[in-house]
Amino acid sequence: MQNDKPTVKNEFQRRVYRFALDIIQLIDGLSKEQTVRIIAEQLLRSATSVGANVVEARASSSKKDYTNFFNYALKSANETKFWLALLMDSGKTDKNKANRVLKEANEIANILAASILTLKGKR
C-alpha cells in the first residue's frame, strides 16, 4: 500500500483474495471422484478469476476497461455460485463449509454489481 492507509479498493482486493484461498481449502477437502474433480476444477477457475479480474481492473487504463474487468469478475462470481450449489445439492461437500463460501460469493457479487452500476452512472 502506498501510505499504509487501507482503502476500500485494497480491502476489496484482500477480500476476493481471501475468498480464493477459502475456495482452495474447500476443494482440498473434497473427494477425488471424477465428477467431483471436474466440478472442483471449474469452481477453482471461476473463483480465482474473480480476484484476478479485480486486480486487472486496478491496473486498467480507462474507466471502460475498469468496468469491463468488474463485469468479468461478476460473471465469474455468479459462475462460482453455480458450482458451489451443484456440489452442495449433489451431497458432495459439507453444506456448512459450502454455505459459508457461498454467502461470501453472494456478497462479492453484490458489491461488484453495485460498483458496476456506480461506474456506469446508474446509481
N, C-alpha and C. Protein backbone atom coordinates (compact mmCIF):
# COMPACT_ATOMS: atom_id res chain seq x y z
N MET A 1 0.83 -1.19 0.00
CA MET A 1 0.00 0.00 0.00
C MET A 1 0.87 1.24 0.00
N GLN A 2 0.33 2.29 -0.51
CA GLN A 2 1.11 3.50 -0.65
C GLN A 2 1.46 4.14 0.69
N ASN A 3 0.47 4.38 1.53
CA ASN A 3 0.74 5.08 2.78
C ASN A 3 0.19 4.33 3.99
N ASP A 4 0.07 3.04 3.89
CA ASP A 4 -0.42 2.17 4.96
C ASP A 4 -1.86 2.47 5.40
N LYS A 5 -2.57 3.33 4.69
CA LYS A 5 -3.97 3.57 4.98
C LYS A 5 -4.79 2.62 4.12
N PRO A 6 -5.59 1.77 4.74
CA PRO A 6 -6.40 0.87 3.93
C PRO A 6 -7.45 1.67 3.15
N THR A 7 -7.64 1.31 1.92
CA THR A 7 -8.66 1.93 1.11
C THR A 7 -9.72 0.88 0.79
N VAL A 8 -10.86 1.34 0.36
CA VAL A 8 -11.94 0.42 0.01
C VAL A 8 -11.46 -0.54 -1.08
N LYS A 9 -10.73 -0.03 -2.06
CA LYS A 9 -10.23 -0.88 -3.14
C LYS A 9 -9.28 -1.95 -2.61
N ASN A 10 -8.36 -1.55 -1.74
CA ASN A 10 -7.41 -2.52 -1.18
C ASN A 10 -8.12 -3.56 -0.33
N GLU A 11 -9.11 -3.12 0.45
CA GLU A 11 -9.87 -4.05 1.30
C GLU A 11 -10.62 -5.06 0.44
N PHE A 12 -11.22 -4.58 -0.64
CA PHE A 12 -11.97 -5.48 -1.51
C PHE A 12 -11.03 -6.46 -2.21
N GLN A 13 -9.88 -5.98 -2.62
CA GLN A 13 -8.89 -6.85 -3.25
C GLN A 13 -8.45 -7.95 -2.27
N ARG A 14 -8.22 -7.58 -1.02
CA ARG A 14 -7.87 -8.57 0.00
C ARG A 14 -9.01 -9.57 0.22
N ARG A 15 -10.21 -9.05 0.17
CA ARG A 15 -11.38 -9.91 0.40
C ARG A 15 -11.53 -10.96 -0.70
N VAL A 16 -11.37 -10.57 -1.95
CA VAL A 16 -11.51 -11.55 -3.03
C VAL A 16 -10.33 -12.53 -3.03
N TYR A 17 -9.17 -12.08 -2.57
CA TYR A 17 -8.02 -12.97 -2.44
C TYR A 17 -8.29 -14.02 -1.35
N ARG A 18 -8.81 -13.57 -0.22
CA ARG A 18 -9.16 -14.47 0.89
C ARG A 18 -10.23 -15.47 0.43
N PHE A 19 -11.17 -14.99 -0.37
CA PHE A 19 -12.22 -15.84 -0.92
C PHE A 19 -11.62 -16.96 -1.76
N ALA A 20 -10.66 -16.62 -2.61
CA ALA A 20 -9.99 -17.64 -3.43
C ALA A 20 -9.29 -18.67 -2.55
N LEU A 21 -8.64 -18.20 -1.49
CA LEU A 21 -7.98 -19.13 -0.56
C LEU A 21 -8.99 -20.04 0.13
N ASP A 22 -10.14 -19.49 0.49
CA ASP A 22 -11.18 -20.30 1.12
C ASP A 22 -11.71 -21.37 0.16
N ILE A 23 -11.84 -21.01 -1.12
CA ILE A 23 -12.28 -21.98 -2.12
C ILE A 23 -11.25 -23.09 -2.27
N ILE A 24 -9.98 -22.73 -2.29
CA ILE A 24 -8.92 -23.74 -2.39
C ILE A 24 -9.01 -24.70 -1.22
N GLN A 25 -9.20 -24.17 -0.03
CA GLN A 25 -9.32 -25.01 1.16
C GLN A 25 -10.54 -25.94 1.05
N LEU A 26 -11.65 -25.42 0.58
CA LEU A 26 -12.85 -26.24 0.40
C LEU A 26 -12.58 -27.37 -0.60
N ILE A 27 -11.96 -27.03 -1.72
CA ILE A 27 -11.69 -28.01 -2.76
C ILE A 27 -10.73 -29.09 -2.26
N ASP A 28 -9.74 -28.69 -1.50
CA ASP A 28 -8.77 -29.67 -0.98
C ASP A 28 -9.43 -30.70 -0.07
N GLY A 29 -10.59 -30.38 0.49
CA GLY A 29 -11.29 -31.31 1.35
C GLY A 29 -12.30 -32.20 0.64
N LEU A 30 -12.44 -32.03 -0.67
CA LEU A 30 -13.41 -32.83 -1.43
C LEU A 30 -12.85 -34.20 -1.78
N SER A 31 -13.75 -35.11 -2.09
CA SER A 31 -13.33 -36.45 -2.52
C SER A 31 -12.66 -36.35 -3.90
N LYS A 32 -12.03 -37.41 -4.29
CA LYS A 32 -11.30 -37.42 -5.57
C LYS A 32 -12.09 -38.12 -6.68
N GLU A 33 -13.41 -38.30 -6.47
CA GLU A 33 -14.25 -38.89 -7.51
C GLU A 33 -14.14 -38.05 -8.78
N GLN A 34 -14.33 -38.69 -9.92
CA GLN A 34 -14.18 -37.99 -11.19
C GLN A 34 -15.14 -36.81 -11.32
N THR A 35 -16.41 -37.01 -10.97
CA THR A 35 -17.37 -35.91 -11.12
C THR A 35 -17.02 -34.75 -10.19
N VAL A 36 -16.63 -35.06 -8.98
CA VAL A 36 -16.26 -34.02 -8.02
C VAL A 36 -15.02 -33.28 -8.51
N ARG A 37 -14.07 -34.02 -9.02
CA ARG A 37 -12.83 -33.41 -9.51
C ARG A 37 -13.12 -32.43 -10.65
N ILE A 38 -13.99 -32.81 -11.56
CA ILE A 38 -14.32 -31.95 -12.70
C ILE A 38 -15.03 -30.68 -12.24
N ILE A 39 -16.00 -30.84 -11.35
CA ILE A 39 -16.71 -29.67 -10.83
C ILE A 39 -15.74 -28.79 -10.03
N ALA A 40 -14.88 -29.41 -9.24
CA ALA A 40 -13.91 -28.66 -8.44
C ALA A 40 -12.97 -27.85 -9.33
N GLU A 41 -12.58 -28.39 -10.47
CA GLU A 41 -11.71 -27.65 -11.39
C GLU A 41 -12.44 -26.42 -11.92
N GLN A 42 -13.70 -26.58 -12.26
CA GLN A 42 -14.49 -25.45 -12.75
C GLN A 42 -14.65 -24.40 -11.65
N LEU A 43 -14.92 -24.87 -10.44
CA LEU A 43 -15.07 -23.98 -9.29
C LEU A 43 -13.79 -23.20 -9.04
N LEU A 44 -12.67 -23.88 -9.08
CA LEU A 44 -11.39 -23.21 -8.86
C LEU A 44 -11.13 -22.14 -9.92
N ARG A 45 -11.42 -22.46 -11.17
CA ARG A 45 -11.21 -21.47 -12.24
C ARG A 45 -12.08 -20.24 -12.05
N SER A 46 -13.37 -20.46 -11.79
CA SER A 46 -14.27 -19.32 -11.68
C SER A 46 -13.98 -18.49 -10.44
N ALA A 47 -13.72 -19.13 -9.32
CA ALA A 47 -13.48 -18.40 -8.07
C ALA A 47 -12.19 -17.59 -8.12
N THR A 48 -11.14 -18.15 -8.67
CA THR A 48 -9.88 -17.41 -8.75
C THR A 48 -9.95 -16.33 -9.82
N SER A 49 -10.81 -16.50 -10.79
CA SER A 49 -11.00 -15.49 -11.82
C SER A 49 -11.58 -14.20 -11.25
N VAL A 50 -12.39 -14.32 -10.22
CA VAL A 50 -12.96 -13.12 -9.58
C VAL A 50 -11.82 -12.21 -9.13
N GLY A 51 -10.93 -12.74 -8.33
CA GLY A 51 -9.82 -11.94 -7.82
C GLY A 51 -8.89 -11.45 -8.91
N ALA A 52 -8.61 -12.31 -9.87
CA ALA A 52 -7.72 -11.91 -10.96
C ALA A 52 -8.28 -10.72 -11.73
N ASN A 53 -9.58 -10.72 -11.96
CA ASN A 53 -10.19 -9.60 -12.69
C ASN A 53 -10.27 -8.34 -11.85
N VAL A 54 -10.43 -8.48 -10.55
CA VAL A 54 -10.40 -7.29 -9.68
C VAL A 54 -9.01 -6.67 -9.72
N VAL A 55 -7.97 -7.49 -9.68
CA VAL A 55 -6.60 -6.99 -9.77
C VAL A 55 -6.36 -6.32 -11.12
N GLU A 56 -6.83 -6.95 -12.18
CA GLU A 56 -6.68 -6.37 -13.52
C GLU A 56 -7.40 -5.03 -13.63
N ALA A 57 -8.55 -4.93 -13.00
CA ALA A 57 -9.29 -3.66 -13.04
C ALA A 57 -8.46 -2.53 -12.45
N ARG A 58 -7.78 -2.83 -11.35
CA ARG A 58 -6.97 -1.80 -10.70
C ARG A 58 -5.86 -1.30 -11.61
N ALA A 59 -5.42 -2.14 -12.54
CA ALA A 59 -4.33 -1.76 -13.45
C ALA A 59 -4.85 -1.26 -14.80
N SER A 60 -6.15 -1.12 -14.94
CA SER A 60 -6.72 -0.74 -16.23
C SER A 60 -6.38 0.71 -16.57
N SER A 61 -6.47 0.99 -17.85
CA SER A 61 -6.07 2.31 -18.34
C SER A 61 -7.24 3.25 -18.55
N SER A 62 -8.45 2.76 -18.40
CA SER A 62 -9.61 3.62 -18.60
C SER A 62 -10.78 3.14 -17.74
N LYS A 63 -11.75 4.01 -17.59
CA LYS A 63 -12.95 3.66 -16.83
C LYS A 63 -13.69 2.52 -17.52
N LYS A 64 -13.70 2.52 -18.83
CA LYS A 64 -14.37 1.47 -19.59
C LYS A 64 -13.70 0.11 -19.32
N ASP A 65 -12.37 0.08 -19.38
CA ASP A 65 -11.65 -1.16 -19.08
C ASP A 65 -11.92 -1.62 -17.64
N TYR A 66 -11.88 -0.67 -16.72
CA TYR A 66 -12.14 -0.97 -15.31
C TYR A 66 -13.52 -1.63 -15.16
N THR A 67 -14.51 -1.03 -15.79
CA THR A 67 -15.87 -1.57 -15.74
C THR A 67 -15.94 -2.95 -16.37
N ASN A 68 -15.26 -3.14 -17.48
CA ASN A 68 -15.26 -4.45 -18.14
C ASN A 68 -14.66 -5.53 -17.25
N PHE A 69 -13.56 -5.22 -16.57
CA PHE A 69 -12.96 -6.20 -15.67
C PHE A 69 -13.89 -6.53 -14.51
N PHE A 70 -14.61 -5.54 -14.01
CA PHE A 70 -15.59 -5.81 -12.96
C PHE A 70 -16.74 -6.65 -13.49
N ASN A 71 -17.13 -6.43 -14.74
CA ASN A 71 -18.17 -7.27 -15.36
C ASN A 71 -17.70 -8.73 -15.44
N TYR A 72 -16.46 -8.94 -15.85
CA TYR A 72 -15.92 -10.31 -15.91
C TYR A 72 -15.87 -10.93 -14.52
N ALA A 73 -15.48 -10.14 -13.54
CA ALA A 73 -15.42 -10.64 -12.16
C ALA A 73 -16.81 -11.02 -11.67
N LEU A 74 -17.82 -10.23 -12.00
CA LEU A 74 -19.19 -10.53 -11.61
C LEU A 74 -19.67 -11.83 -12.26
N LYS A 75 -19.38 -12.00 -13.53
CA LYS A 75 -19.76 -13.25 -14.22
C LYS A 75 -19.09 -14.44 -13.56
N SER A 76 -17.84 -14.29 -13.19
CA SER A 76 -17.12 -15.38 -12.53
C SER A 76 -17.70 -15.66 -11.14
N ALA A 77 -18.08 -14.63 -10.43
CA ALA A 77 -18.70 -14.82 -9.11
C ALA A 77 -20.02 -15.57 -9.24
N ASN A 78 -20.80 -15.22 -10.24
CA ASN A 78 -22.07 -15.92 -10.47
C ASN A 78 -21.84 -17.37 -10.88
N GLU A 79 -20.84 -17.61 -11.69
CA GLU A 79 -20.50 -18.99 -12.07
C GLU A 79 -20.04 -19.77 -10.83
N THR A 80 -19.28 -19.14 -9.99
CA THR A 80 -18.82 -19.78 -8.75
C THR A 80 -20.01 -20.22 -7.91
N LYS A 81 -21.02 -19.37 -7.81
CA LYS A 81 -22.22 -19.72 -7.04
C LYS A 81 -22.88 -20.96 -7.62
N PHE A 82 -22.91 -21.08 -8.93
CA PHE A 82 -23.49 -22.25 -9.57
C PHE A 82 -22.75 -23.53 -9.18
N TRP A 83 -21.42 -23.51 -9.29
CA TRP A 83 -20.63 -24.71 -8.98
C TRP A 83 -20.76 -25.08 -7.50
N LEU A 84 -20.77 -24.10 -6.63
CA LEU A 84 -20.94 -24.37 -5.20
C LEU A 84 -22.30 -25.01 -4.93
N ALA A 85 -23.35 -24.46 -5.53
CA ALA A 85 -24.69 -25.01 -5.34
C ALA A 85 -24.77 -26.44 -5.86
N LEU A 86 -24.12 -26.69 -6.98
CA LEU A 86 -24.12 -28.04 -7.55
C LEU A 86 -23.44 -29.03 -6.62
N LEU A 87 -22.31 -28.64 -6.05
CA LEU A 87 -21.62 -29.51 -5.09
C LEU A 87 -22.48 -29.76 -3.85
N MET A 88 -23.15 -28.72 -3.39
CA MET A 88 -23.99 -28.86 -2.20
C MET A 88 -25.21 -29.74 -2.48
N ASP A 89 -25.90 -29.46 -3.57
CA ASP A 89 -27.13 -30.18 -3.88
C ASP A 89 -26.89 -31.64 -4.25
N SER A 90 -25.69 -31.94 -4.71
CA SER A 90 -25.36 -33.33 -5.05
C SER A 90 -24.82 -34.08 -3.83
N GLY A 91 -24.68 -33.38 -2.71
CA GLY A 91 -24.20 -34.01 -1.49
C GLY A 91 -22.71 -34.31 -1.50
N LYS A 92 -21.97 -33.62 -2.33
CA LYS A 92 -20.53 -33.89 -2.49
C LYS A 92 -19.64 -33.05 -1.59
N THR A 93 -20.23 -32.13 -0.84
CA THR A 93 -19.44 -31.29 0.06
C THR A 93 -20.21 -31.04 1.35
N ASP A 94 -19.49 -30.64 2.36
CA ASP A 94 -20.10 -30.28 3.63
C ASP A 94 -20.91 -29.00 3.42
N LYS A 95 -22.20 -29.06 3.70
CA LYS A 95 -23.07 -27.90 3.42
C LYS A 95 -22.72 -26.67 4.24
N ASN A 96 -22.26 -26.86 5.47
CA ASN A 96 -21.90 -25.70 6.30
C ASN A 96 -20.72 -24.95 5.72
N LYS A 97 -19.68 -25.69 5.30
CA LYS A 97 -18.50 -25.05 4.71
C LYS A 97 -18.87 -24.38 3.39
N ALA A 98 -19.63 -25.09 2.57
CA ALA A 98 -20.01 -24.55 1.27
C ALA A 98 -20.93 -23.34 1.43
N ASN A 99 -21.83 -23.37 2.39
CA ASN A 99 -22.72 -22.23 2.62
C ASN A 99 -21.94 -20.98 3.01
N ARG A 100 -20.88 -21.17 3.78
CA ARG A 100 -20.06 -20.03 4.20
C ARG A 100 -19.43 -19.35 3.00
N VAL A 101 -18.83 -20.13 2.10
CA VAL A 101 -18.21 -19.52 0.92
C VAL A 101 -19.26 -19.05 -0.09
N LEU A 102 -20.41 -19.72 -0.12
CA LEU A 102 -21.49 -19.28 -0.99
C LEU A 102 -22.01 -17.91 -0.54
N LYS A 103 -22.12 -17.72 0.76
CA LYS A 103 -22.54 -16.42 1.29
C LYS A 103 -21.55 -15.34 0.88
N GLU A 104 -20.26 -15.65 0.98
CA GLU A 104 -19.24 -14.68 0.58
C GLU A 104 -19.31 -14.42 -0.92
N ALA A 105 -19.54 -15.46 -1.73
CA ALA A 105 -19.68 -15.27 -3.18
C ALA A 105 -20.85 -14.34 -3.49
N ASN A 106 -21.95 -14.51 -2.77
CA ASN A 106 -23.11 -13.62 -2.96
C ASN A 106 -22.77 -12.18 -2.60
N GLU A 107 -22.09 -11.99 -1.49
CA GLU A 107 -21.72 -10.64 -1.07
C GLU A 107 -20.76 -9.99 -2.07
N ILE A 108 -19.79 -10.75 -2.53
CA ILE A 108 -18.85 -10.23 -3.53
C ILE A 108 -19.58 -9.86 -4.81
N ALA A 109 -20.49 -10.74 -5.26
CA ALA A 109 -21.26 -10.45 -6.47
C ALA A 109 -22.10 -9.18 -6.29
N ASN A 110 -22.69 -9.00 -5.12
CA ASN A 110 -23.48 -7.80 -4.87
C ASN A 110 -22.62 -6.54 -4.89
N ILE A 111 -21.43 -6.61 -4.32
CA ILE A 111 -20.51 -5.47 -4.33
C ILE A 111 -20.10 -5.14 -5.76
N LEU A 112 -19.77 -6.18 -6.52
CA LEU A 112 -19.37 -5.96 -7.92
C LEU A 112 -20.52 -5.35 -8.72
N ALA A 113 -21.73 -5.87 -8.55
CA ALA A 113 -22.88 -5.35 -9.30
C ALA A 113 -23.16 -3.89 -8.95
N ALA A 114 -23.09 -3.56 -7.66
CA ALA A 114 -23.30 -2.18 -7.24
C ALA A 114 -22.20 -1.28 -7.79
N SER A 115 -20.98 -1.76 -7.79
CA SER A 115 -19.86 -0.97 -8.34
C SER A 115 -20.04 -0.71 -9.82
N ILE A 116 -20.48 -1.73 -10.55
CA ILE A 116 -20.70 -1.58 -11.99
C ILE A 116 -21.77 -0.53 -12.25
N LEU A 117 -22.86 -0.58 -11.49
CA LEU A 117 -23.92 0.43 -11.66
C LEU A 117 -23.39 1.83 -11.37
N THR A 118 -22.59 1.95 -10.34
CA THR A 118 -21.99 3.25 -9.99
C THR A 118 -21.06 3.72 -11.12
N LEU A 119 -20.24 2.81 -11.62
CA LEU A 119 -19.32 3.17 -12.70
C LEU A 119 -20.05 3.61 -13.96
N LYS A 120 -21.20 3.00 -14.19
CA LYS A 120 -21.99 3.35 -15.37
C LYS A 120 -22.90 4.55 -15.13
N GLY A 121 -22.84 5.10 -13.92
CA GLY A 121 -23.63 6.27 -13.59
C GLY A 121 -25.11 5.99 -13.42
N LYS A 122 -25.44 4.74 -13.12
CA LYS A 122 -26.84 4.36 -12.96
C LYS A 122 -27.25 4.25 -11.51
N ARG A 123 -26.41 4.76 -10.64
CA ARG A 123 -26.71 4.67 -9.22
C ARG A 123 -26.25 5.90 -8.49
